[in-house]
N, C-alpha and C. Protein backbone atom coordinates (compact mmCIF):
# COMPACT_ATOMS: atom_id res chain seq x y z
N GLY A 1 0.73 -1.29 -0.10
CA GLY A 1 0.01 0.04 -0.09
C GLY A 1 0.98 1.12 0.03
N LYS A 2 0.11 2.38 -0.12
CA LYS A 2 0.93 3.60 -0.07
C LYS A 2 1.48 3.93 1.42
N MET A 3 1.14 3.40 2.40
CA MET A 3 1.63 3.79 3.55
C MET A 3 3.01 3.31 3.87
N ASP A 4 3.51 2.16 3.40
CA ASP A 4 4.43 1.45 3.78
C ASP A 4 5.92 2.12 2.71
N LYS A 5 5.22 2.88 1.69
CA LYS A 5 6.37 3.39 0.93
C LYS A 5 6.77 4.53 1.80
N SER A 6 5.85 5.41 2.67
CA SER A 6 6.49 6.61 2.88
C SER A 6 7.62 6.74 3.97
N ILE A 7 7.92 5.84 4.85
CA ILE A 7 8.68 6.15 5.47
C ILE A 7 10.00 5.93 4.88
N ILE A 8 10.54 5.08 3.93
CA ILE A 8 11.69 5.09 3.30
C ILE A 8 11.84 6.26 2.07
N LEU A 9 10.68 6.50 1.56
CA LEU A 9 10.75 7.49 0.57
C LEU A 9 10.76 9.07 1.36
N ASP A 10 10.35 8.95 2.26
CA ASP A 10 10.79 10.38 3.24
C ASP A 10 12.32 10.33 3.67
N MET A 11 12.67 9.09 3.81
CA MET A 11 14.15 9.12 4.31
C MET A 11 15.02 9.40 3.28
N LYS A 12 14.83 8.88 1.93
CA LYS A 12 15.53 9.23 1.08
C LYS A 12 15.30 10.83 0.61
N GLN A 13 14.19 11.44 0.66
CA GLN A 13 14.20 12.72 0.01
C GLN A 13 14.82 13.79 1.53
N GLN A 14 14.34 13.07 2.68
CA GLN A 14 15.29 14.08 3.83
C GLN A 14 16.63 14.28 3.89
N LEU A 15 17.21 12.80 3.79
CA LEU A 15 18.45 12.66 3.64
C LEU A 15 19.13 12.67 2.43
N GLN A 16 18.36 13.24 1.43
CA GLN A 16 19.01 13.59 0.19
C GLN A 16 19.63 12.47 -0.43
N LEU A 17 19.37 11.30 -0.26
CA LEU A 17 20.04 9.89 -0.95
C LEU A 17 19.72 9.89 -2.37
N LYS A 18 20.65 9.34 -3.05
CA LYS A 18 20.69 9.41 -4.58
C LYS A 18 19.90 8.06 -4.74
N GLU A 19 19.31 7.82 -5.95
CA GLU A 19 18.85 6.51 -6.33
C GLU A 19 19.75 5.62 -6.71
N VAL A 20 19.88 4.26 -6.21
CA VAL A 20 21.12 3.54 -6.28
C VAL A 20 20.28 2.14 -6.85
N ASP A 21 20.77 1.56 -8.04
CA ASP A 21 20.51 0.38 -8.67
C ASP A 21 20.65 -0.76 -7.50
N ILE A 22 19.61 -1.39 -6.74
CA ILE A 22 19.82 -2.45 -5.97
C ILE A 22 20.80 -3.40 -6.51
N ARG A 23 20.52 -3.94 -7.85
CA ARG A 23 21.26 -4.93 -8.09
C ARG A 23 22.74 -4.65 -7.93
N THR A 24 23.39 -3.47 -7.78
CA THR A 24 24.81 -3.16 -7.54
C THR A 24 25.23 -3.61 -6.26
N TYR A 25 24.12 -3.74 -5.26
CA TYR A 25 24.61 -4.13 -3.73
C TYR A 25 25.03 -5.54 -3.55
N SER A 26 26.14 -5.77 -2.98
CA SER A 26 26.48 -7.03 -2.56
C SER A 26 25.53 -7.66 -1.74
N PRO A 27 25.38 -9.10 -1.55
CA PRO A 27 24.63 -9.73 -0.50
C PRO A 27 25.03 -9.39 0.44
N LEU A 28 26.23 -9.26 1.05
CA LEU A 28 26.57 -8.97 2.37
C LEU A 28 26.07 -7.30 2.83
N ALA A 29 26.33 -6.57 1.92
CA ALA A 29 25.68 -5.18 1.85
C ALA A 29 24.39 -5.05 2.37
N LEU A 30 23.55 -6.08 1.42
CA LEU A 30 21.98 -6.16 1.87
C LEU A 30 22.00 -6.67 3.16
N ALA A 31 22.36 -7.63 3.75
CA ALA A 31 22.35 -8.32 4.95
C ALA A 31 22.94 -7.51 6.08
N TYR A 32 23.94 -6.47 5.78
CA TYR A 32 24.22 -5.32 6.71
C TYR A 32 23.06 -4.53 7.09
N LEU A 33 22.28 -4.25 6.15
CA LEU A 33 21.25 -3.44 6.25
C LEU A 33 20.11 -4.16 6.92
N GLY A 34 19.45 -5.42 6.37
CA GLY A 34 18.68 -6.10 6.88
C GLY A 34 18.48 -6.46 8.24
N ASP A 35 19.87 -6.81 8.54
CA ASP A 35 20.05 -7.25 10.25
C ASP A 35 19.50 -6.09 11.02
N ALA A 36 19.87 -4.57 10.54
CA ALA A 36 19.41 -3.62 11.30
C ALA A 36 17.73 -3.28 11.34
N VAL A 37 17.24 -3.44 9.82
CA VAL A 37 15.65 -3.65 9.84
C VAL A 37 15.14 -4.34 10.72
N TYR A 38 15.58 -5.83 10.70
CA TYR A 38 14.97 -6.88 11.35
C TYR A 38 15.23 -6.37 12.87
N GLU A 39 16.21 -6.10 13.48
CA GLU A 39 16.26 -5.65 14.80
C GLU A 39 15.51 -4.75 15.14
N VAL A 40 15.22 -3.64 14.51
CA VAL A 40 14.20 -2.38 14.89
C VAL A 40 12.87 -3.21 14.76
N ILE A 41 12.61 -4.18 14.06
CA ILE A 41 11.22 -4.45 13.82
C ILE A 41 11.12 -5.44 15.00
N VAL A 42 11.85 -6.19 15.67
CA VAL A 42 11.89 -7.16 16.69
C VAL A 42 11.90 -6.41 17.89
N ARG A 43 12.63 -5.24 18.11
CA ARG A 43 12.63 -4.71 19.26
C ARG A 43 11.22 -3.83 19.53
N THR A 44 10.62 -3.39 18.31
CA THR A 44 9.36 -2.60 18.46
C THR A 44 8.35 -3.63 18.64
N ILE A 45 8.29 -4.88 18.60
CA ILE A 45 7.49 -6.07 18.89
C ILE A 45 7.67 -6.28 20.40
N LEU A 46 8.73 -6.24 20.93
CA LEU A 46 9.08 -6.60 21.99
C LEU A 46 8.77 -5.44 23.06
N LEU A 47 8.93 -4.16 22.70
CA LEU A 47 8.47 -3.04 23.75
C LEU A 47 6.93 -2.86 23.65
N ASN A 48 6.16 -3.33 22.64
CA ASN A 48 4.77 -3.25 22.40
C ASN A 48 4.40 -4.33 23.51
N HIS A 49 4.87 -5.30 23.94
CA HIS A 49 4.51 -6.37 25.04
C HIS A 49 4.64 -5.79 26.47
N GLY A 50 4.88 -4.31 26.61
CA GLY A 50 4.87 -4.02 27.98
C GLY A 50 6.08 -3.70 28.47
N ASN A 51 6.07 -2.88 29.58
CA ASN A 51 7.72 -2.45 29.89
C ASN A 51 8.05 -3.24 30.60
N MET A 52 9.63 -3.67 30.60
CA MET A 52 10.77 -4.45 31.36
C MET A 52 11.71 -4.02 31.25
N PRO A 53 12.74 -4.69 32.36
CA PRO A 53 13.80 -4.09 32.17
C PRO A 53 14.51 -4.01 31.05
N VAL A 54 15.47 -3.14 30.54
CA VAL A 54 16.30 -3.14 29.32
C VAL A 54 16.87 -4.44 29.14
N ASN A 55 17.61 -5.11 30.05
CA ASN A 55 18.58 -6.19 29.94
C ASN A 55 17.48 -7.29 29.49
N LYS A 56 16.34 -7.47 30.15
CA LYS A 56 15.53 -8.61 30.06
C LYS A 56 15.16 -8.48 28.21
N TYR A 57 14.89 -7.28 27.69
CA TYR A 57 14.59 -6.95 26.35
C TYR A 57 15.48 -7.59 25.46
N HIS A 58 16.93 -7.02 25.81
CA HIS A 58 18.07 -7.75 25.35
C HIS A 58 18.12 -9.07 25.33
N ARG A 59 17.72 -9.73 26.36
CA ARG A 59 17.74 -11.12 26.22
C ARG A 59 16.74 -12.03 25.58
N LYS A 60 15.45 -11.29 25.43
CA LYS A 60 14.39 -11.78 24.72
C LYS A 60 14.80 -11.97 23.07
N ALA A 61 15.15 -10.47 22.97
CA ALA A 61 15.51 -10.28 21.32
C ALA A 61 16.67 -11.23 20.93
N SER A 62 17.29 -11.40 21.65
CA SER A 62 18.54 -12.18 21.17
C SER A 62 18.25 -13.46 20.70
N HIS A 63 17.12 -13.96 21.47
CA HIS A 63 16.53 -15.12 21.02
C HIS A 63 16.12 -15.17 19.48
N MET A 64 15.51 -13.93 19.23
CA MET A 64 14.76 -13.89 18.11
C MET A 64 15.61 -13.45 16.98
N VAL A 65 16.71 -12.97 17.41
CA VAL A 65 17.75 -12.28 16.15
C VAL A 65 18.88 -13.06 16.08
N ASN A 66 19.29 -14.20 16.81
CA ASN A 66 20.09 -14.83 16.52
C ASN A 66 20.46 -15.68 15.26
N ALA A 67 21.61 -16.20 14.96
CA ALA A 67 21.53 -17.01 13.68
C ALA A 67 20.66 -18.30 13.64
N SER A 68 20.57 -18.88 14.74
CA SER A 68 19.92 -20.47 14.61
C SER A 68 18.25 -20.03 14.45
N ALA A 69 18.02 -18.89 15.21
CA ALA A 69 16.47 -18.56 14.98
C ALA A 69 16.20 -17.93 14.05
N GLN A 70 16.90 -17.23 13.02
CA GLN A 70 16.67 -16.73 11.72
C GLN A 70 16.82 -17.64 10.65
N SER A 71 17.72 -18.82 10.97
CA SER A 71 17.83 -20.21 9.99
C SER A 71 16.53 -20.93 10.06
N ARG A 72 15.98 -20.97 11.52
CA ARG A 72 14.82 -21.61 11.64
C ARG A 72 13.51 -21.03 10.71
N MET A 73 13.56 -19.53 10.89
CA MET A 73 12.46 -18.59 10.36
C MET A 73 12.66 -18.90 8.51
N ILE A 74 13.68 -18.83 8.43
CA ILE A 74 13.98 -18.58 6.62
C ILE A 74 13.55 -20.36 6.20
N THR A 75 13.78 -21.25 6.84
CA THR A 75 13.54 -22.35 6.62
C THR A 75 12.06 -22.77 6.35
N GLU A 76 11.57 -22.12 7.08
CA GLU A 76 9.86 -21.96 7.04
C GLU A 76 9.43 -21.27 6.09
N LEU A 77 10.05 -19.97 5.80
CA LEU A 77 9.34 -19.04 5.08
C LEU A 77 10.00 -19.29 3.53
N GLU A 78 10.79 -20.15 3.43
CA GLU A 78 11.41 -20.69 1.97
C GLU A 78 10.32 -20.89 0.96
N PRO A 79 9.37 -21.79 1.42
CA PRO A 79 8.42 -22.03 0.46
C PRO A 79 7.27 -20.92 -0.11
N MET A 80 7.29 -20.00 0.91
CA MET A 80 6.47 -18.97 0.64
C MET A 80 7.18 -17.61 -0.37
N LEU A 81 8.68 -17.79 -0.95
CA LEU A 81 9.12 -16.90 -1.51
C LEU A 81 9.19 -16.64 -2.72
N THR A 82 8.87 -15.62 -3.43
CA THR A 82 8.89 -15.55 -5.00
C THR A 82 10.40 -15.84 -5.30
N GLU A 83 10.11 -16.23 -6.77
CA GLU A 83 11.53 -16.73 -7.24
C GLU A 83 12.73 -15.55 -7.22
N GLU A 84 12.32 -14.19 -7.21
CA GLU A 84 13.44 -13.16 -6.96
C GLU A 84 13.92 -13.19 -5.67
N GLU A 85 12.92 -13.30 -4.66
CA GLU A 85 13.22 -13.48 -3.19
C GLU A 85 14.15 -14.59 -3.13
N LEU A 86 13.74 -15.59 -3.42
CA LEU A 86 14.54 -16.90 -3.30
C LEU A 86 16.15 -16.70 -4.01
N SER A 87 16.12 -16.08 -5.10
CA SER A 87 17.50 -15.92 -5.53
C SER A 87 18.44 -14.94 -4.62
N VAL A 88 17.54 -13.78 -4.22
CA VAL A 88 18.57 -12.92 -3.02
C VAL A 88 18.69 -13.72 -1.77
N TYR A 89 17.70 -14.30 -1.41
CA TYR A 89 18.30 -15.25 -0.17
C TYR A 89 19.47 -16.10 -0.60
N LYS A 90 19.44 -16.86 -1.63
CA LYS A 90 20.47 -17.73 -1.78
C LYS A 90 21.87 -17.30 -2.16
N ARG A 91 21.90 -16.03 -2.60
CA ARG A 91 22.81 -15.10 -2.85
C ARG A 91 23.72 -14.54 -1.56
N GLY A 92 22.61 -14.28 -0.70
CA GLY A 92 23.27 -13.97 0.81
C GLY A 92 23.64 -15.28 1.38
N ARG A 93 22.88 -16.26 1.25
CA ARG A 93 23.38 -17.70 1.79
C ARG A 93 24.68 -18.12 1.31
N ASN A 94 25.02 -17.80 0.08
CA ASN A 94 26.31 -18.20 -0.57
C ASN A 94 27.45 -17.29 -0.46
N ALA A 95 27.42 -16.17 -0.16
CA ALA A 95 28.19 -14.98 -0.07
C ALA A 95 29.19 -15.49 0.97
N LYS A 96 30.88 -15.54 0.55
CA LYS A 96 31.67 -15.56 1.40
C LYS A 96 31.93 -14.53 2.64
N SER A 97 31.66 -14.68 3.64
CA SER A 97 31.68 -14.00 4.70
C SER A 97 32.90 -14.20 5.63
N TYR A 98 33.40 -12.99 6.16
CA TYR A 98 34.85 -13.43 6.85
C TYR A 98 34.64 -13.44 8.40
N THR A 99 33.33 -13.15 9.06
CA THR A 99 33.13 -13.44 10.24
C THR A 99 32.38 -14.56 10.52
N SER A 100 32.52 -15.05 11.76
CA SER A 100 31.80 -16.42 11.98
C SER A 100 30.94 -16.16 13.28
N ALA A 101 30.20 -17.06 13.06
CA ALA A 101 29.04 -17.01 13.88
C ALA A 101 29.26 -17.28 15.44
N LYS A 102 28.26 -16.57 16.12
CA LYS A 102 28.52 -16.79 18.00
C LYS A 102 27.47 -17.91 17.98
N HIS A 103 27.48 -18.87 18.78
CA HIS A 103 26.46 -20.10 19.17
C HIS A 103 25.68 -20.33 17.83
N ALA A 104 26.17 -20.43 16.72
CA ALA A 104 25.57 -21.10 15.72
C ALA A 104 26.53 -22.05 14.80
N THR A 105 25.85 -22.78 14.12
CA THR A 105 26.79 -23.67 12.91
C THR A 105 26.92 -22.65 11.82
N ILE A 106 28.04 -22.90 10.94
CA ILE A 106 28.47 -22.34 9.86
C ILE A 106 27.09 -22.30 8.87
N ILE A 107 26.21 -23.38 8.65
CA ILE A 107 25.29 -23.71 8.03
C ILE A 107 24.23 -22.41 8.11
N GLU A 108 23.87 -22.52 9.69
CA GLU A 108 22.84 -21.53 10.15
C GLU A 108 23.17 -20.04 9.96
N TYR A 109 24.45 -19.96 10.14
CA TYR A 109 24.63 -18.64 10.09
C TYR A 109 24.77 -18.03 8.74
N ARG A 110 24.99 -18.93 7.64
CA ARG A 110 25.08 -18.46 6.01
C ARG A 110 23.62 -18.34 5.96
N MET A 111 22.79 -19.35 6.38
CA MET A 111 21.27 -19.10 6.30
C MET A 111 20.60 -17.84 6.66
N ALA A 112 21.06 -17.46 7.90
CA ALA A 112 20.82 -16.17 8.49
C ALA A 112 21.42 -15.05 7.90
N THR A 113 22.57 -15.27 7.20
CA THR A 113 22.72 -14.12 6.24
C THR A 113 21.98 -13.86 5.15
N GLY A 114 21.57 -15.08 4.39
CA GLY A 114 20.57 -15.12 3.22
C GLY A 114 19.27 -14.42 3.73
N PHE A 115 18.91 -14.59 5.08
CA PHE A 115 17.67 -14.14 5.63
C PHE A 115 17.88 -12.57 5.51
N GLU A 116 18.57 -12.06 6.40
CA GLU A 116 19.11 -10.52 6.40
C GLU A 116 19.15 -9.78 4.83
N ALA A 117 19.87 -10.65 4.18
CA ALA A 117 20.02 -10.06 2.63
C ALA A 117 18.56 -9.76 2.13
N LEU A 118 17.77 -10.84 2.37
CA LEU A 118 16.56 -10.70 1.86
C LEU A 118 15.49 -9.39 2.60
N ILE A 119 15.83 -9.34 4.03
CA ILE A 119 15.18 -8.26 4.39
C ILE A 119 15.71 -6.84 3.75
N GLY A 120 17.09 -6.82 3.67
CA GLY A 120 17.62 -5.56 3.34
C GLY A 120 17.37 -5.21 1.84
N TYR A 121 17.06 -6.36 0.96
CA TYR A 121 16.80 -6.07 -0.50
C TYR A 121 15.38 -5.33 -0.45
N LEU A 122 14.27 -6.19 0.24
CA LEU A 122 12.96 -5.66 0.26
C LEU A 122 12.95 -4.20 0.95
N TYR A 123 13.50 -4.03 1.88
CA TYR A 123 13.59 -2.58 2.55
C TYR A 123 13.91 -1.66 1.43
N LEU A 124 15.11 -1.85 0.55
CA LEU A 124 15.46 -0.78 -0.43
C LEU A 124 14.43 -1.04 -1.33
N LYS A 125 14.02 -2.06 -1.81
CA LYS A 125 12.72 -1.77 -2.87
C LYS A 125 11.22 -1.19 -2.01
N GLU A 126 11.41 -1.01 -0.97
CA GLU A 126 10.40 -0.29 -0.36
C GLU A 126 9.47 -1.12 0.07
N GLU A 127 9.57 -2.29 0.29
CA GLU A 127 8.28 -3.45 0.04
C GLU A 127 8.26 -3.75 1.73
N MET A 128 7.81 -2.70 2.64
CA MET A 128 7.87 -3.14 4.10
C MET A 128 6.49 -4.04 4.58
N GLU A 129 5.60 -4.12 3.63
CA GLU A 129 4.51 -4.50 4.00
C GLU A 129 4.80 -6.33 3.76
N ARG A 130 5.42 -6.49 2.67
CA ARG A 130 6.07 -7.78 2.51
C ARG A 130 7.12 -8.20 3.77
N ILE A 131 7.81 -7.49 3.97
CA ILE A 131 8.91 -7.73 5.30
C ILE A 131 8.03 -7.95 6.59
N PHE A 132 6.92 -7.33 6.85
CA PHE A 132 6.17 -7.22 8.15
C PHE A 132 5.41 -9.00 8.02
N TYR A 133 4.86 -9.16 6.82
CA TYR A 133 4.24 -10.31 6.44
C TYR A 133 5.19 -11.53 6.80
N LEU A 134 6.65 -11.39 6.17
CA LEU A 134 7.68 -12.44 6.49
C LEU A 134 7.79 -12.63 8.09
N VAL A 135 7.99 -11.57 8.65
CA VAL A 135 8.25 -11.56 9.79
C VAL A 135 7.55 -12.26 10.73
N LYS A 136 6.11 -11.64 10.51
CA LYS A 136 4.84 -12.12 11.33
C LYS A 136 5.02 -13.54 11.31
N THR A 137 4.77 -13.95 10.23
CA THR A 137 4.71 -15.55 9.86
C THR A 137 5.63 -16.36 10.46
N GLY A 138 7.15 -15.78 10.21
CA GLY A 138 8.32 -16.29 10.71
C GLY A 138 8.24 -16.47 12.33
N LEU A 139 7.60 -15.50 12.93
CA LEU A 139 7.71 -15.52 14.21
C LEU A 139 6.35 -15.79 14.96
N HIS A 140 5.51 -16.29 13.85
CA HIS A 140 4.02 -16.54 14.38
C HIS A 140 3.50 -15.73 15.14
N ILE A 141 3.38 -14.45 14.84
CA ILE A 141 2.56 -13.52 15.27
C ILE A 141 1.07 -13.46 15.21
N GLY A 142 0.42 -13.44 16.00
CA GLY A 142 -1.05 -13.43 15.72
C GLY A 142 -1.74 -15.11 15.95
N GLU A 143 -1.04 -15.97 15.91
CA GLU A 143 -1.56 -17.33 15.64
C GLU A 143 -1.96 -17.94 17.10
N GLU A 144 -2.83 -18.47 17.19
CA GLU A 144 -3.28 -18.89 18.54
C GLU A 144 -2.63 -20.03 19.06
């Protein structure tokens, strides 16, 4: 819808960002951005569940944001992805990264990187609604 474009459009205008072809971004650059976008969404969800001490938020968030949690999510979401989304995910997953995972296997870490690349990609394409849908589905929000 129109709503979801406004935040990013506004940001582009306010910060005088130039139009960049998303295809020129490396998968790791997309993942770098996607990691932050996903983190903001998760923290927003957690804050919405009532006030608690910040260290408690941090512990809860890290369960949702860590590589093994993200790899579980993307495994579940994979059948729902479009061809385009799938190819972005796979590029992220197969990207050679030089950092290693804390508390996760290499496989999980790479899948998580693919997930984050996908989120970054959708964010740059101004597809917030799609991001929210995938995150809601992946985190089982609104399910009884």
